[in-house]
Amino acid sequence: MTVKAGPGRPRGARNRITTEIKEQITCVYYKIGGPENFAKWARTHESEFYKIWANLAPKEVTADVRVHDVVTLTDSELAHIAIHGNEEATLPALEHDQSLN
């Protein structure tokens, strides 16, 4: 007799047991003093605190990086970036002479 498995959890849905355990840990955390007691403990157990922090910190960071070849930018374009930052929406049209490339 073969038993066909169900579809499982939807993508991104948390495991019920993991969710329950996290809720229980949070409950105990507040019963034993919450952030104030945790801070006291962290001061005397810095190494352990940073291990916990590193485990909870994001493991992957997504960044949108734009690089401009400053050699080909005009003085006015460089000044604009210096004043307004490097946000694409605020940059003037970069239709300068590309023959320098």
Protein backbone atom coordinates (compact mmCIF):
# COMPACT_ATOMS: atom_id res chain seq x y z
CA MET A 1 0.00 0.00 0.00
CA THR A 2 1.42 3.37 -1.02
CA VAL A 3 0.54 6.52 0.82
CA LYS A 4 0.69 9.69 -1.20
CA ALA A 5 2.04 12.70 0.69
CA GLY A 6 0.12 15.94 0.77
CA PRO A 7 1.30 19.16 -0.83
CA GLY A 8 3.12 20.26 2.33
CA ARG A 9 3.44 23.79 3.65
CA PRO A 10 3.03 26.65 1.22
CA ARG A 11 6.31 28.31 0.25
CA GLY A 12 7.37 30.80 2.93
CA ALA A 13 4.99 29.42 5.57
CA ARG A 14 6.58 28.75 8.94
CA ASN A 15 6.70 25.35 10.56
CA ARG A 16 3.97 25.14 13.24
CA ILE A 17 6.32 23.63 15.86
CA THR A 18 9.01 26.27 15.23
CA THR A 19 6.41 29.01 15.57
CA GLU A 20 5.10 27.56 18.85
CA ILE A 21 8.61 27.23 20.30
CA LYS A 22 9.45 30.84 19.37
CA GLU A 23 6.24 32.01 21.04
CA GLN A 24 7.08 30.02 24.20
CA ILE A 25 10.63 31.39 24.32
CA THR A 26 9.28 34.93 23.93
CA CYS A 27 6.83 34.34 26.79
CA VAL A 28 9.61 33.08 29.09
CA TYR A 29 11.86 35.98 28.00
CA TYR A 30 9.34 38.50 29.32
CA LYS A 31 8.59 36.48 32.48
CA ILE A 32 12.29 36.56 33.46
CA GLY A 33 12.71 40.29 32.97
CA GLY A 34 12.64 41.00 29.24
CA PRO A 35 15.06 43.46 27.65
CA GLU A 36 16.34 44.86 30.95
CA ASN A 37 17.52 41.48 32.28
CA PHE A 38 18.74 40.44 28.86
CA ALA A 39 20.93 43.57 28.72
CA LYS A 40 22.36 42.77 32.19
CA TRP A 41 23.14 39.22 31.05
CA ALA A 42 24.67 40.46 27.78
CA ARG A 43 27.07 42.75 29.65
CA THR A 44 28.53 39.79 31.52
CA HIS A 45 28.32 37.32 28.62
CA GLU A 46 29.35 39.43 25.62
CA SER A 47 30.76 36.51 23.65
CA GLU A 48 27.54 34.52 23.97
CA PHE A 49 25.42 37.59 23.23
CA TYR A 50 27.28 38.25 19.97
CA LYS A 51 26.93 34.60 18.96
CA ILE A 52 23.16 34.95 19.36
CA TRP A 53 23.16 38.27 17.52
CA ALA A 54 25.22 36.87 14.63
CA ASN A 55 22.84 33.92 14.34
CA LEU A 56 19.82 36.24 14.10
CA ALA A 57 21.38 38.88 11.82
CA PRO A 58 20.52 38.69 8.10
CA LYS A 59 22.86 36.33 6.26
CA GLU A 60 22.30 37.94 2.89
CA VAL A 61 22.03 41.59 1.93
CA THR A 62 20.65 42.80 -1.38
CA ALA A 63 22.08 46.03 -2.71
CA ASP A 64 21.49 48.09 -5.82
CA VAL A 65 24.87 49.52 -6.80
CA ARG A 66 25.37 52.01 -9.58
CA VAL A 67 28.86 52.88 -10.75
CA HIS A 68 29.66 55.89 -12.87
CA ASP A 69 32.94 56.26 -14.70
CA VAL A 70 33.99 59.61 -13.25
CA VAL A 71 36.44 60.10 -16.10
CA THR A 72 33.58 60.44 -18.58
CA LEU A 73 31.27 62.58 -16.40
CA THR A 74 31.19 66.31 -17.03
CA ASP A 75 32.00 68.80 -14.28
CA SER A 76 28.32 69.72 -13.97
CA GLU A 77 27.34 66.04 -13.64
CA LEU A 78 29.99 65.52 -10.93
CA ALA A 79 28.78 68.66 -9.13
CA HIS A 80 25.19 67.42 -9.33
CA ILE A 81 26.18 64.07 -7.77
CA ALA A 82 28.19 65.88 -5.06
CA ILE A 83 25.22 68.08 -4.16
CA HIS A 84 22.29 65.69 -4.62
CA GLY A 85 23.83 62.27 -4.10
CA ASN A 86 23.99 59.43 -6.57
CA GLU A 87 20.26 58.78 -6.86
CA GLU A 88 19.38 57.92 -10.45
CA ALA A 89 16.12 59.87 -10.26
CA THR A 90 17.97 63.11 -9.47
CA LEU A 91 20.78 62.72 -12.00
CA PRO A 92 20.57 64.82 -15.13
CA ALA A 93 20.48 62.98 -18.41
CA LEU A 94 23.93 61.49 -18.83
CA GLU A 95 24.16 62.05 -22.57
CA HIS A 96 27.68 63.42 -22.58
CA ASP A 97 30.29 62.65 -25.22
CA GLN A 98 30.90 58.89 -25.14
CA SER A 99 33.78 59.21 -27.62
CA LEU A 100 36.18 59.38 -24.66
CA ASN A 101 35.54 55.69 -23.87
